[in-house]
N, C-alpha and C. Protein backbone atom coordinates (compact mmCIF):
# COMPACT_ATOMS: atom_id res chain seq x y z
N UNK A 1 16.17 9.70 8.70
CA UNK A 1 15.24 8.75 9.78
C UNK A 1 15.83 8.11 10.04
N UNK A 2 15.47 7.53 11.51
CA UNK A 2 16.16 6.67 12.52
C UNK A 2 15.46 5.39 12.48
N UNK A 3 16.01 4.96 13.41
CA UNK A 3 15.68 3.43 13.80
C UNK A 3 14.45 3.01 13.96
N UNK A 4 14.12 3.59 14.58
CA UNK A 4 12.32 3.74 15.04
C UNK A 4 11.32 4.23 13.74
N UNK A 5 10.32 3.97 13.28
CA UNK A 5 9.29 3.97 12.45
C UNK A 5 8.30 4.61 13.23
N UNK A 6 7.69 5.95 13.27
CA UNK A 6 7.31 6.37 14.20
C UNK A 6 5.66 6.36 13.37
N UNK A 7 4.46 6.15 13.77
CA UNK A 7 3.20 6.42 12.91
C UNK A 7 3.08 7.67 12.56
N UNK A 8 3.41 9.06 13.23
CA UNK A 8 3.72 10.05 12.79
C UNK A 8 3.92 10.22 11.65
N UNK A 9 5.32 9.60 11.73
CA UNK A 9 6.05 9.55 10.27
C UNK A 9 5.43 8.83 9.17
N UNK A 10 4.70 8.01 9.32
CA UNK A 10 3.66 6.73 8.38
C UNK A 10 2.80 7.80 7.73
N UNK A 11 2.26 8.40 8.80
CA UNK A 11 1.06 9.26 8.45
C UNK A 11 1.83 10.51 7.62
N UNK A 12 2.73 11.18 7.64
CA UNK A 12 3.27 12.13 7.28
C UNK A 12 3.74 11.73 5.91
N UNK A 13 4.20 10.39 5.72
CA UNK A 13 4.31 9.96 4.42
C UNK A 13 3.20 9.62 3.40
N UNK A 14 2.11 8.95 4.02
CA UNK A 14 0.67 9.04 3.06
C UNK A 14 0.18 10.60 2.85
N UNK A 15 0.36 11.25 3.72
CA UNK A 15 -0.19 12.46 3.36
C UNK A 15 0.21 12.98 2.72
N UNK A 16 1.57 13.09 2.53
CA UNK A 16 1.97 14.06 1.36
C UNK A 16 2.42 13.38 0.02
N UNK A 17 2.21 11.65 -0.07
CA UNK A 17 2.44 11.17 -1.09
C UNK A 17 0.54 11.40 -1.83
N UNK A 18 -0.47 11.04 -1.03
CA UNK A 18 -1.62 11.29 -1.32
C UNK A 18 -2.18 12.35 -2.07
N UNK A 19 -1.61 13.62 -1.27
CA UNK A 19 -1.68 15.14 -2.29
C UNK A 19 -0.89 14.79 -3.47
N UNK A 20 0.32 14.43 -3.24
CA UNK A 20 1.21 14.64 -4.49
C UNK A 20 0.26 13.77 -5.86
N UNK A 21 0.38 12.66 -5.51
CA UNK A 21 -0.51 11.78 -6.69
C UNK A 21 -1.80 12.62 -6.83
N UNK A 22 -2.40 12.56 -6.24
CA UNK A 22 -3.65 13.33 -6.26
C UNK A 22 -3.53 14.44 -7.16
N UNK A 23 -2.94 15.21 -6.87
CA UNK A 23 -2.78 16.68 -7.96
C UNK A 23 -1.77 16.40 -8.81
N UNK A 24 -1.22 15.16 -8.92
CA UNK A 24 -0.28 15.17 -10.30
C UNK A 24 -1.42 14.32 -11.50
N UNK A 25 -2.59 14.22 -10.58
CA UNK A 25 -3.54 13.48 -11.67
C UNK A 25 -4.62 14.44 -11.91
N UNK A 26 -4.50 15.70 -11.57
CA UNK A 26 -5.75 17.01 -11.50
C UNK A 26 -6.81 16.43 -10.90
N UNK A 27 -6.89 15.64 -10.08
CA UNK A 27 -8.14 15.44 -9.33
C UNK A 27 -8.22 16.27 -8.12
N UNK A 28 -9.56 16.59 -8.10
CA UNK A 28 -10.03 17.39 -6.49
C UNK A 28 -10.20 16.48 -5.38
N UNK A 29 -10.18 16.91 -4.13
CA UNK A 29 -10.31 16.23 -3.13
C UNK A 29 -11.70 15.25 -3.23
N UNK A 30 -13.28 16.35 -3.82
CA UNK A 30 -14.02 16.52 -3.70
C UNK A 30 -13.83 14.69 -4.94
N UNK A 31 -13.37 14.75 -6.03
CA UNK A 31 -13.52 13.84 -7.39
C UNK A 31 -12.92 12.60 -6.42
N UNK A 32 -11.87 12.75 -5.99
CA UNK A 32 -11.06 11.65 -5.62
C UNK A 32 -12.12 11.03 -4.33
N UNK A 33 -12.64 11.61 -3.71
CA UNK A 33 -13.50 11.28 -2.57
C UNK A 33 -14.83 10.28 -3.23
N UNK A 34 -15.45 10.68 -4.26
CA UNK A 34 -16.65 10.13 -4.65
C UNK A 34 -15.73 8.89 -5.79
N UNK A 35 -14.85 9.12 -6.14
CA UNK A 35 -14.04 7.28 -7.08
C UNK A 35 -14.14 6.79 -5.83
N UNK A 36 -13.35 7.00 -4.56
CA UNK A 36 -13.07 6.13 -3.76
C UNK A 36 -14.39 5.60 -2.92
N UNK A 37 -15.40 6.56 -2.63
CA UNK A 37 -16.20 6.07 -1.86
C UNK A 37 -16.10 6.80 -0.50
N UNK A 38 -15.36 7.79 -0.41
CA UNK A 38 -15.34 8.54 0.75
C UNK A 38 -15.43 10.29 0.37
N UNK A 39 -15.51 10.67 1.79
CA UNK A 39 -15.80 12.34 1.45
C UNK A 39 -14.74 12.82 1.31
N UNK A 40 -15.11 14.23 1.00
CA UNK A 40 -13.96 15.03 0.71
C UNK A 40 -13.16 15.82 2.21
N UNK A 41 -13.94 15.87 2.95
CA UNK A 41 -13.53 15.75 4.81
C UNK A 41 -12.73 15.17 4.91
N UNK A 42 -13.12 14.09 4.51
CA UNK A 42 -12.35 12.65 4.92
C UNK A 42 -10.60 13.03 4.30
N UNK A 43 -10.66 13.11 3.09
CA UNK A 43 -9.56 13.32 2.15
C UNK A 43 -8.58 14.13 2.62
N UNK A 44 -9.44 15.38 3.11
CA UNK A 44 -8.69 16.48 3.40
C UNK A 44 -8.27 16.11 4.62
N UNK A 45 -8.40 15.65 5.84
CA UNK A 45 -7.97 15.19 7.00
C UNK A 45 -6.90 14.06 7.00
N UNK A 46 -7.12 13.34 5.74
CA UNK A 46 -5.91 12.34 5.68
C UNK A 46 -4.46 13.16 5.24
N UNK A 47 -4.87 14.02 4.05
CA UNK A 47 -3.78 15.10 3.59
C UNK A 47 -3.24 16.14 4.40
N UNK A 48 -4.08 16.51 5.48
CA UNK A 48 -3.53 17.23 6.34
C UNK A 48 -2.82 16.81 7.42
N UNK A 49 -2.84 15.43 7.66
CA UNK A 49 -2.36 14.44 8.65
C UNK A 49 -2.76 14.35 9.74
N UNK A 50 -4.28 14.78 9.71
CA UNK A 50 -5.04 14.73 11.20
C UNK A 50 -5.57 13.15 11.21
N UNK A 51 -5.62 12.48 10.24
CA UNK A 51 -6.22 11.32 10.03
C UNK A 51 -5.32 10.07 9.40
N UNK A 52 -5.11 8.71 9.90
CA UNK A 52 -4.62 7.85 9.05
C UNK A 52 -5.45 6.97 8.52
N UNK A 53 -5.19 6.03 7.47
CA UNK A 53 -6.20 5.07 7.10
C UNK A 53 -5.97 3.50 7.46
N UNK A 54 -6.80 3.00 7.26
CA UNK A 54 -7.09 1.65 7.10
C UNK A 54 -6.47 0.93 5.84
N UNK A 55 -6.55 -0.42 5.96
CA UNK A 55 -5.88 -1.20 5.11
C UNK A 55 -6.96 -0.96 3.81
N UNK A 56 -8.61 -1.03 4.26
CA UNK A 56 -9.53 -0.84 3.49
C UNK A 56 -9.51 0.44 2.65
N UNK A 57 -9.33 1.18 3.64
CA UNK A 57 -9.06 2.59 3.07
C UNK A 57 -7.91 2.60 1.61
N UNK A 58 -7.12 2.41 2.29
CA UNK A 58 -5.87 2.27 1.45
C UNK A 58 -6.16 1.43 -0.16
N UNK A 59 -6.54 0.55 -0.15
CA UNK A 59 -7.80 -0.59 -1.10
C UNK A 59 -7.57 0.80 -2.21
N UNK A 60 -8.82 1.21 -1.44
CA UNK A 60 -10.09 2.44 -2.15
C UNK A 60 -9.25 3.25 -2.93
N UNK A 61 -8.75 3.99 -2.04
CA UNK A 61 -7.46 4.97 -2.77
C UNK A 61 -6.32 4.79 -3.96
N UNK A 62 -5.84 3.51 -3.34
CA UNK A 62 -5.25 2.87 -4.64
C UNK A 62 -5.74 2.81 -5.93
N UNK A 63 -6.89 2.33 -5.66
CA UNK A 63 -7.95 1.71 -6.95
C UNK A 63 -8.38 3.02 -7.62
N UNK A 64 -8.52 4.21 -6.92
CA UNK A 64 -9.42 5.50 -7.17
C UNK A 64 -8.14 6.06 -8.09
N UNK A 65 -6.63 6.25 -7.89
CA UNK A 65 -5.95 6.89 -8.29
C UNK A 65 -5.39 5.88 -9.22
N UNK A 66 -5.47 4.53 -9.34
CA UNK A 66 -4.74 3.84 -10.26
C UNK A 66 -3.54 3.85 -10.23
N UNK A 67 -3.00 3.56 -9.01
CA UNK A 67 -1.40 3.54 -8.34
C UNK A 67 -1.58 2.12 -7.66
N UNK A 68 -0.35 1.40 -7.11
CA UNK A 68 0.02 0.88 -6.50
C UNK A 68 -0.16 0.81 -4.64
N UNK A 69 -0.50 0.31 -3.79
CA UNK A 69 -0.66 0.85 -2.59
C UNK A 69 0.65 1.03 -1.91
N UNK A 70 1.63 0.74 -2.52
CA UNK A 70 3.58 0.86 -1.71
C UNK A 70 3.53 2.37 -2.22
N UNK A 71 3.11 2.97 -3.21
CA UNK A 71 3.38 4.14 -3.62
C UNK A 71 3.02 5.24 -2.79
N UNK A 72 1.92 5.11 -1.79
CA UNK A 72 1.63 6.01 -0.87
C UNK A 72 2.46 6.36 0.43
N UNK A 73 3.50 4.94 0.41
CA UNK A 73 4.61 5.23 1.34
C UNK A 73 6.09 4.95 1.02
N UNK A 74 6.19 5.47 -0.08
CA UNK A 74 7.52 5.74 -0.30
C UNK A 74 8.14 7.15 0.27
N UNK A 75 9.52 7.09 0.81
CA UNK A 75 9.92 8.43 0.76
C UNK A 75 10.39 9.28 -0.15
N UNK A 76 10.54 10.56 -0.13
CA UNK A 76 10.36 11.30 -1.32
C UNK A 76 11.75 10.62 -1.99
N UNK A 77 12.88 10.37 -1.16
CA UNK A 77 14.43 10.29 -2.14
C UNK A 77 14.10 8.75 -2.89
N UNK A 78 13.06 8.06 -3.13
CA UNK A 78 12.87 6.92 -3.49
C UNK A 78 11.57 7.00 -4.86
N UNK A 79 11.24 8.28 -4.89
CA UNK A 79 10.30 8.24 -6.11
C UNK A 79 10.99 8.32 -7.30
N UNK A 80 11.98 9.09 -7.28
CA UNK A 80 12.41 8.46 -8.72
C UNK A 80 12.82 6.80 -9.20
N UNK A 81 13.09 6.30 -8.19
CA UNK A 81 13.17 4.52 -8.64
C UNK A 81 11.76 4.24 -8.73
N UNK A 82 10.89 4.78 -7.87
CA UNK A 82 9.32 4.25 -8.05
C UNK A 82 8.55 4.37 -9.26
N UNK A 83 9.16 5.69 -9.81
CA UNK A 83 8.74 6.35 -11.41
C UNK A 83 9.28 5.78 -12.14
N UNK A 84 10.36 5.24 -12.15
CA UNK A 84 11.07 4.16 -13.13
C UNK A 84 10.66 3.09 -13.31
N UNK A 85 10.27 2.40 -12.18
CA UNK A 85 9.43 1.45 -12.42
C UNK A 85 8.13 1.19 -12.90
N UNK A 86 7.38 2.46 -12.39
CA UNK A 86 6.18 2.22 -13.01
C UNK A 86 6.27 2.59 -14.56
N UNK A 87 6.89 3.64 -14.79
CA UNK A 87 7.19 3.97 -16.14
C UNK A 87 7.91 2.38 -17.46
N UNK A 88 8.40 1.65 -16.59
CA UNK A 88 9.17 0.18 -16.99
C UNK A 88 7.65 -0.53 -17.63
N UNK A 89 6.66 -0.56 -16.27
CA UNK A 89 6.02 -1.68 -16.24
C UNK A 89 4.72 -0.88 -17.39
N UNK A 90 4.48 0.14 -17.60
CA UNK A 90 3.66 1.28 -18.56
C UNK A 90 4.21 0.61 -19.77
N UNK A 91 5.62 0.99 -20.04
CA UNK A 91 6.22 0.76 -21.22
C UNK A 91 5.63 -0.83 -21.73
N UNK A 92 6.23 -2.11 -21.08
CA UNK A 92 5.82 -3.20 -20.99
C UNK A 92 4.27 -3.21 -21.57
N UNK A 93 3.19 -2.77 -20.77
CA UNK A 93 2.03 -3.20 -21.17
C UNK A 93 1.54 -2.60 -22.23
N UNK A 94 2.29 -1.08 -22.78
CA UNK A 94 2.11 -0.92 -23.99
C UNK A 94 2.52 -1.67 -25.44
N UNK A 95 3.74 -2.18 -25.32
CA UNK A 95 4.43 -3.02 -26.17
C UNK A 95 3.49 -4.29 -26.35
N UNK A 96 2.89 -5.01 -25.19
CA UNK A 96 1.86 -5.93 -25.21
C UNK A 96 0.54 -5.43 -25.94
N UNK A 97 0.26 -4.68 -25.88
CA UNK A 97 -1.15 -3.81 -26.43
C UNK A 97 -0.99 -3.54 -27.94
N UNK A 98 0.61 -3.13 -28.14
CA UNK A 98 0.57 -2.63 -29.56
C UNK A 98 0.75 -4.22 -30.48
N UNK A 99 1.60 -5.40 -29.96
CA UNK A 99 1.57 -6.71 -30.62
C UNK A 99 -0.05 -7.29 -30.55
N UNK A 100 -0.65 -7.30 -29.19
CA UNK A 100 -1.86 -7.55 -29.74
C UNK A 100 -2.97 -7.10 -30.67
N UNK A 101 -3.03 -5.50 -31.00
CA UNK A 101 -3.62 -5.06 -31.86
C UNK A 101 -2.87 -5.43 -33.12
N UNK A 102 -1.44 -5.04 -33.49
CA UNK A 102 -1.05 -5.81 -34.54
C UNK A 102 -1.13 -7.12 -35.10
N UNK A 103 -1.54 -8.11 -33.96
CA UNK A 103 -1.93 -9.48 -34.74
C UNK A 103 -3.40 -9.45 -34.91
N UNK A 104 -4.15 -8.96 -34.47
CA UNK A 104 -5.49 -8.63 -34.81
C UNK A 104 -5.83 -8.12 -36.18
N UNK A 105 -5.33 -7.12 -36.16
CA UNK A 105 -5.56 -6.28 -37.20
C UNK A 105 -4.64 -6.92 -38.87
N UNK A 106 -3.85 -7.47 -38.64
CA UNK A 106 -2.96 -8.07 -39.44
C UNK A 106 -3.75 -9.46 -39.76
N UNK A 107 -4.32 -9.97 -39.13
CA UNK A 107 -5.20 -10.97 -39.28
C UNK A 107 -6.34 -10.95 -39.97
N UNK A 108 -6.99 -9.94 -39.62
CA UNK A 108 -8.09 -8.70 -40.17
C UNK A 108 -7.63 -8.63 -41.86
N UNK A 109 -6.43 -8.16 -42.26
CA UNK A 109 -5.98 -7.50 -43.32
C UNK A 109 -5.85 -9.26 -44.31
N UNK A 110 -5.30 -10.12 -44.02
CA UNK A 110 -5.72 -11.34 -44.20
C UNK A 110 -6.45 -11.95 -44.79
N UNK A 111 -7.89 -11.55 -44.28
CA UNK A 111 -9.09 -11.90 -44.74
C UNK A 111 -9.78 -11.20 -45.50
N UNK A 112 -9.54 -10.29 -46.07
CA UNK A 112 -10.06 -9.21 -47.03
C UNK A 112 -9.81 -9.78 -48.24
N UNK A 113 -10.92 -9.33 -49.19
CA UNK A 113 -10.63 -10.50 -50.76
C UNK A 113 -9.84 -9.07 -51.54
N UNK A 114 -9.40 -9.66 -52.47
CA UNK A 114 -8.76 -9.08 -53.46
C UNK A 114 -9.55 -8.39 -54.62
């Protein structure tokens, strides 16, 4: 990648990442379109690089895929670090949930009569 980032380069990044993220979640273009409020033809056009996306569409796609928007813009060489960050965030959330459930159920146990 040179010093100048072109529209074509960004469009290519988004199209590759959208397809990769969608297929990794076993979601069809139709399913993603329905979830995001877009047509499957539009999803196809974005994935094939024929169309770019607006910030509004970026938000819709990110929400539908349950990802952070920046994940659609990461070059492949940055994927491993992005995945590591995602796993760390997931791990933190999971630990918090376990603590909250443990506290709740431990309190419930203390209330049960003997």
